[in-house]
Structure formats: structure tokens, C-alpha cells
Amino acid sequence: MPARTRARKRALDILFESEQQGLALGATLSRRMATADQPLNEYTVALVEGVNAHQERIDELLSTYSEGWTLERMPAVDRNVLRMGAFEILYRDDVPDPVAVSEAVALVRDLSTDESPGFVNGLLARLITVKPSLSV
């Protein structure tokens, strides 16, 4: 498994844990960094910190472009994968948009519902389409 794929999975673990426990994302990341047997991959940290820094805008965009679904109604795994994918698409120039989508779809294919890959693919593809007109 490529390093960035593992980093994304680890970042998802942290995002999901933080949400499920009702903790601040920064606190969960700090705790994970302090208790990890080995240092967290720097891309894992970048993803979690990036989602944390831009979550309000990311959530606003996901809510706007997810037809018929509120963030609260989405499965928690999907919601957090979408946040990571949106962060990579909107704020990371070093990740090609199709790679961000492909990686997000792979995560939900392994970890979420049968409908999740199509939903995640469609919503992230929509963000790519409107990306030029967005102010992020």
C-alpha cells in the first residue's frame, strides 16, 4: 500500500475518532501524536490539520453540492472521507484531483456502505467541476 494511501487511512481514523468522541480535532491529533508507537506520517498530520483549518468552508461546500443529503444524514465515514477529499481537491496543489477522488472512493469502498463509492465520487466530481468558480 502506498505511503499516502496509508496516511489517508490514518487521517480518516483520527477524523472519525474525534467526531465519534465529540473531541476537538486538534486534541485528538495531539493525543495520537503523543501516544503513537512511531511518529505519524507527515501527510497524515497535514490532512488532519488541513481539514481542521478549513472544515467550516468544506462543510459548507459539501452541504451545498450534496443533493438531498445533509452532512448529519451522511454516514460518518463518508462525511470524513469527503472532508479529506475536498481538502485535497481545494487546497492541495500537489495532489491531482482525480487521485483525490480515486483515493476517497477506495476508502469508502472498503469501509462504508455499498452506495457510498458512487455518492462520494459524484460529490467530489461536482466540487472539481465548480472549483474554478469557488473562493476558498
C-alpha atoms as a PDB file:
ATOM      1  CA  MET A   1       0.000   0.000   0.000  1.00  0.00           C
ATOM      2  CA  PRO A   2       1.487   3.374  -0.997  1.00  0.00           C
ATOM      3  CA  ALA A   3       2.540   5.733   1.798  1.00  0.00           C
ATOM      4  CA  ARG A   4      -0.053   8.403   1.011  1.00  0.00           C
ATOM      5  CA  THR A   5      -2.827   5.810   0.917  1.00  0.00           C
ATOM      6  CA  ARG A   6      -1.806   4.664   4.404  1.00  0.00           C
ATOM      7  CA  ALA A   7      -1.585   8.308   5.508  1.00  0.00           C
ATOM      8  CA  ARG A   8      -5.127   8.954   4.295  1.00  0.00           C
ATOM      9  CA  LYS A   9      -6.434   5.901   6.158  1.00  0.00           C
ATOM     10  CA  ARG A  10      -4.703   7.037   9.339  1.00  0.00           C
ATOM     11  CA  ALA A  11      -6.064  10.571   8.919  1.00  0.00           C
ATOM     12  CA  LEU A  12      -9.561   9.129   8.474  1.00  0.00           C
ATOM     13  CA  ASP A  13      -9.113   7.159  11.699  1.00  0.00           C
ATOM     14  CA  ILE A  14      -8.271  10.376  13.547  1.00  0.00           C
ATOM     15  CA  LEU A  15     -11.108  12.384  11.981  1.00  0.00           C
ATOM     16  CA  PHE A  16     -13.613   9.615  12.703  1.00  0.00           C
ATOM     17  CA  GLU A  17     -12.394   9.110  16.277  1.00  0.00           C
ATOM     18  CA  SER A  18     -12.557  12.810  17.015  1.00  0.00           C
ATOM     19  CA  GLU A  19     -16.098  13.091  15.704  1.00  0.00           C
ATOM     20  CA  GLN A  20     -17.350   9.954  17.459  1.00  0.00           C
ATOM     21  CA  GLN A  21     -15.911  11.026  20.789  1.00  0.00           C
ATOM     22  CA  GLY A  22     -17.036  14.636  20.405  1.00  0.00           C
ATOM     23  CA  LEU A  23     -13.485  15.909  20.813  1.00  0.00           C
ATOM     24  CA  ALA A  24     -11.724  18.818  19.176  1.00  0.00           C
ATOM     25  CA  LEU A  25      -9.817  17.578  16.161  1.00  0.00           C
ATOM     26  CA  GLY A  26      -6.607  19.239  17.297  1.00  0.00           C
ATOM     27  CA  ALA A  27      -6.814  17.491  20.671  1.00  0.00           C
ATOM     28  CA  THR A  28      -7.307  14.088  19.068  1.00  0.00           C
ATOM     29  CA  LEU A  29      -4.365  14.656  16.742  1.00  0.00           C
ATOM     30  CA  SER A  30      -2.139  15.807  19.612  1.00  0.00           C
ATOM     31  CA  ARG A  31      -3.076  12.767  21.674  1.00  0.00           C
ATOM     32  CA  ARG A  32      -2.403  10.417  18.766  1.00  0.00           C
ATOM     33  CA  MET A  33       0.970  12.059  18.148  1.00  0.00           C
ATOM     34  CA  ALA A  34       1.924  11.712  21.800  1.00  0.00           C
ATOM     35  CA  THR A  35       0.865   8.083  22.158  1.00  0.00           C
ATOM     36  CA  ALA A  36       1.870   6.647  18.768  1.00  0.00           C
ATOM     37  CA  ASP A  37       4.483   3.897  18.761  1.00  0.00           C
ATOM     38  CA  GLN A  38       6.084   5.638  15.817  1.00  0.00           C
ATOM     39  CA  PRO A  39       5.718   9.190  14.525  1.00  0.00           C
ATOM     40  CA  LEU A  40       2.638   9.906  12.436  1.00  0.00           C
ATOM     41  CA  ASN A  41       3.283  10.285   8.735  1.00  0.00           C
ATOM     42  CA  GLU A  42       3.623  13.971   7.918  1.00  0.00           C
ATOM     43  CA  TYR A  43       0.911  13.682   5.268  1.00  0.00           C
ATOM     44  CA  THR A  44      -1.488  12.269   7.874  1.00  0.00           C
ATOM     45  CA  VAL A  45      -0.810  15.315  10.032  1.00  0.00           C
ATOM     46  CA  ALA A  46      -1.190  17.659   7.040  1.00  0.00           C
ATOM     47  CA  LEU A  47      -4.573  16.139   6.155  1.00  0.00           C
ATOM     48  CA  VAL A  48      -5.953  16.340   9.686  1.00  0.00           C
ATOM     49  CA  GLU A  49      -4.650  19.865  10.234  1.00  0.00           C
ATOM     50  CA  GLY A  50      -5.920  20.946   6.818  1.00  0.00           C
ATOM     51  CA  VAL A  51      -9.407  19.579   7.392  1.00  0.00           C
ATOM     52  CA  ASN A  52      -9.396  21.197  10.822  1.00  0.00           C
ATOM     53  CA  ALA A  53      -8.344  24.576   9.432  1.00  0.00           C
ATOM     54  CA  HIS A  54     -10.852  24.557   6.564  1.00  0.00           C
ATOM     55  CA  GLN A  55     -13.690  22.429   7.945  1.00  0.00           C
ATOM     56  CA  GLU A  56     -16.265  25.201   8.070  1.00  0.00           C
ATOM     57  CA  ARG A  57     -15.820  26.063   4.379  1.00  0.00           C
ATOM     58  CA  ILE A  58     -15.513  22.397   3.355  1.00  0.00           C
ATOM     59  CA  ASP A  59     -18.709  21.504   5.215  1.00  0.00           C
ATOM     60  CA  GLU A  60     -20.494  24.463   3.641  1.00  0.00           C
ATOM     61  CA  LEU A  61     -19.493  23.294   0.154  1.00  0.00           C
ATOM     62  CA  LEU A  62     -20.361  19.662   0.839  1.00  0.00           C
ATOM     63  CA  SER A  63     -23.775  20.738   2.135  1.00  0.00           C
ATOM     64  CA  THR A  64     -24.354  22.969  -0.878  1.00  0.00           C
ATOM     65  CA  TYR A  65     -23.471  20.372  -3.513  1.00  0.00           C
ATOM     66  CA  SER A  66     -24.775  17.158  -1.922  1.00  0.00           C
ATOM     67  CA  GLU A  67     -28.240  16.985  -3.385  1.00  0.00           C
ATOM     68  CA  GLY A  68     -30.768  15.639  -0.933  1.00  0.00           C
ATOM     69  CA  TRP A  69     -28.247  14.833   1.805  1.00  0.00           C
ATOM     70  CA  THR A  70     -27.336  16.873   4.845  1.00  0.00           C
ATOM     71  CA  LEU A  71     -23.948  16.333   6.452  1.00  0.00           C
ATOM     72  CA  GLU A  72     -25.661  14.916   9.522  1.00  0.00           C
ATOM     73  CA  ARG A  73     -27.509  12.327   7.442  1.00  0.00           C
ATOM     74  CA  MET A  74     -24.341  11.018   5.745  1.00  0.00           C
ATOM     75  CA  PRO A  75     -22.587   8.028   7.268  1.00  0.00           C
ATOM     76  CA  ALA A  76     -19.741   9.304   9.482  1.00  0.00           C
ATOM     77  CA  VAL A  77     -17.104   7.535   7.387  1.00  0.00           C
ATOM     78  CA  ASP A  78     -18.424   9.125   4.183  1.00  0.00           C
ATOM     79  CA  ARG A  79     -18.613  12.567   5.774  1.00  0.00           C
ATOM     80  CA  ASN A  80     -14.998  12.436   6.932  1.00  0.00           C
ATOM     81  CA  VAL A  81     -13.691  10.927   3.690  1.00  0.00           C
ATOM     82  CA  LEU A  82     -15.497  13.696   1.806  1.00  0.00           C
ATOM     83  CA  ARG A  83     -13.858  16.299   4.040  1.00  0.00           C
ATOM     84  CA  MET A  84     -10.418  14.869   3.285  1.00  0.00           C
ATOM     85  CA  GLY A  85     -11.127  14.588  -0.430  1.00  0.00           C
ATOM     86  CA  ALA A  86     -12.497  18.117  -0.589  1.00  0.00           C
ATOM     87  CA  PHE A  87      -9.457  19.407   1.287  1.00  0.00           C
ATOM     88  CA  GLU A  88      -7.120  17.726  -1.199  1.00  0.00           C
ATOM     89  CA  ILE A  89      -9.107  18.987  -4.200  1.00  0.00           C
ATOM     90  CA  LEU A  90      -9.474  22.562  -2.966  1.00  0.00           C
ATOM     91  CA  TYR A  91      -6.290  23.208  -1.003  1.00  0.00           C
ATOM     92  CA  ARG A  92      -3.543  20.768  -2.101  1.00  0.00           C
ATOM     93  CA  ASP A  93      -1.951  21.576  -5.439  1.00  0.00           C
ATOM     94  CA  ASP A  94       0.396  18.581  -5.123  1.00  0.00           C
ATOM     95  CA  VAL A  95      -2.498  16.082  -5.363  1.00  0.00           C
ATOM     96  CA  PRO A  96      -4.151  15.719  -8.774  1.00  0.00           C
ATOM     97  CA  ASP A  97      -7.920  15.977  -8.444  1.00  0.00           C
ATOM     98  CA  PRO A  98      -8.569  12.523  -9.977  1.00  0.00           C
ATOM     99  CA  VAL A  99      -6.182  10.971  -7.438  1.00  0.00           C
ATOM    100  CA  ALA A 100      -8.015  12.627  -4.539  1.00  0.00           C
ATOM    101  CA  VAL A 101     -11.324  11.258  -5.855  1.00  0.00           C
ATOM    102  CA  SER A 102      -9.929   7.785  -6.503  1.00  0.00           C
ATOM    103  CA  GLU A 103      -8.400   7.544  -3.038  1.00  0.00           C
ATOM    104  CA  ALA A 104     -11.613   8.756  -1.379  1.00  0.00           C
ATOM    105  CA  VAL A 105     -13.701   6.248  -3.319  1.00  0.00           C
ATOM    106  CA  ALA A 106     -11.309   3.424  -2.395  1.00  0.00           C
ATOM    107  CA  LEU A 107     -11.612   4.293   1.309  1.00  0.00           C
ATOM    108  CA  VAL A 108     -15.403   4.251   1.333  1.00  0.00           C
ATOM    109  CA  ARG A 109     -15.495   1.123  -0.827  1.00  0.00           C
ATOM    110  CA  ASP A 110     -13.556  -0.672   1.916  1.00  0.00           C
ATOM    111  CA  LEU A 111     -15.146   0.973   4.954  1.00  0.00           C
ATOM    112  CA  SER A 112     -18.681   2.143   4.233  1.00  0.00           C
ATOM    113  CA  THR A 113     -21.936   1.230   2.501  1.00  0.00           C
ATOM    114  CA  ASP A 114     -22.459  -0.197  -0.984  1.00  0.00           C
ATOM    115  CA  GLU A 115     -23.869   3.157  -2.139  1.00  0.00           C
ATOM    116  CA  SER A 116     -21.007   5.204  -0.720  1.00  0.00           C
ATOM    117  CA  PRO A 117     -18.491   4.913  -3.591  1.00  0.00           C
ATOM    118  CA  GLY A 118     -20.937   6.359  -6.121  1.00  0.00           C
ATOM    119  CA  PHE A 119     -22.066   9.103  -3.756  1.00  0.00           C
ATOM    120  CA  VAL A 120     -18.515  10.147  -2.826  1.00  0.00           C
ATOM    121  CA  ASN A 121     -17.376  10.004  -6.453  1.00  0.00           C
ATOM    122  CA  GLY A 122     -20.296  12.148  -7.606  1.00  0.00           C
ATOM    123  CA  LEU A 123     -19.992  14.781  -4.895  1.00  0.00           C
ATOM    124  CA  LEU A 124     -16.218  15.191  -5.246  1.00  0.00           C
ATOM    125  CA  ALA A 125     -16.554  15.288  -9.053  1.00  0.00           C
ATOM    126  CA  ARG A 126     -19.086  18.094  -8.631  1.00  0.00           C
ATOM    127  CA  LEU A 127     -16.605  20.031  -6.469  1.00  0.00           C
ATOM    128  CA  ILE A 128     -13.975  19.634  -9.185  1.00  0.00           C
ATOM    129  CA  THR A 129     -16.439  20.995 -11.751  1.00  0.00           C
ATOM    130  CA  VAL A 130     -17.286  24.096  -9.714  1.00  0.00           C
ATOM    131  CA  LYS A 131     -13.776  24.562  -8.286  1.00  0.00           C
ATOM    132  CA  PRO A 132     -12.796  27.334 -10.739  1.00  0.00           C
ATOM    133  CA  SER A 133     -15.732  29.458  -9.590  1.00  0.00           C
ATOM    134  CA  LEU A 134     -15.176  28.947  -5.860  1.00  0.00           C
ATOM    135  CA  SER A 135     -13.425  31.282  -3.486  1.00  0.00           C
ATOM    136  CA  VAL A 136     -11.758  29.058  -0.929  1.00  0.00           C
END
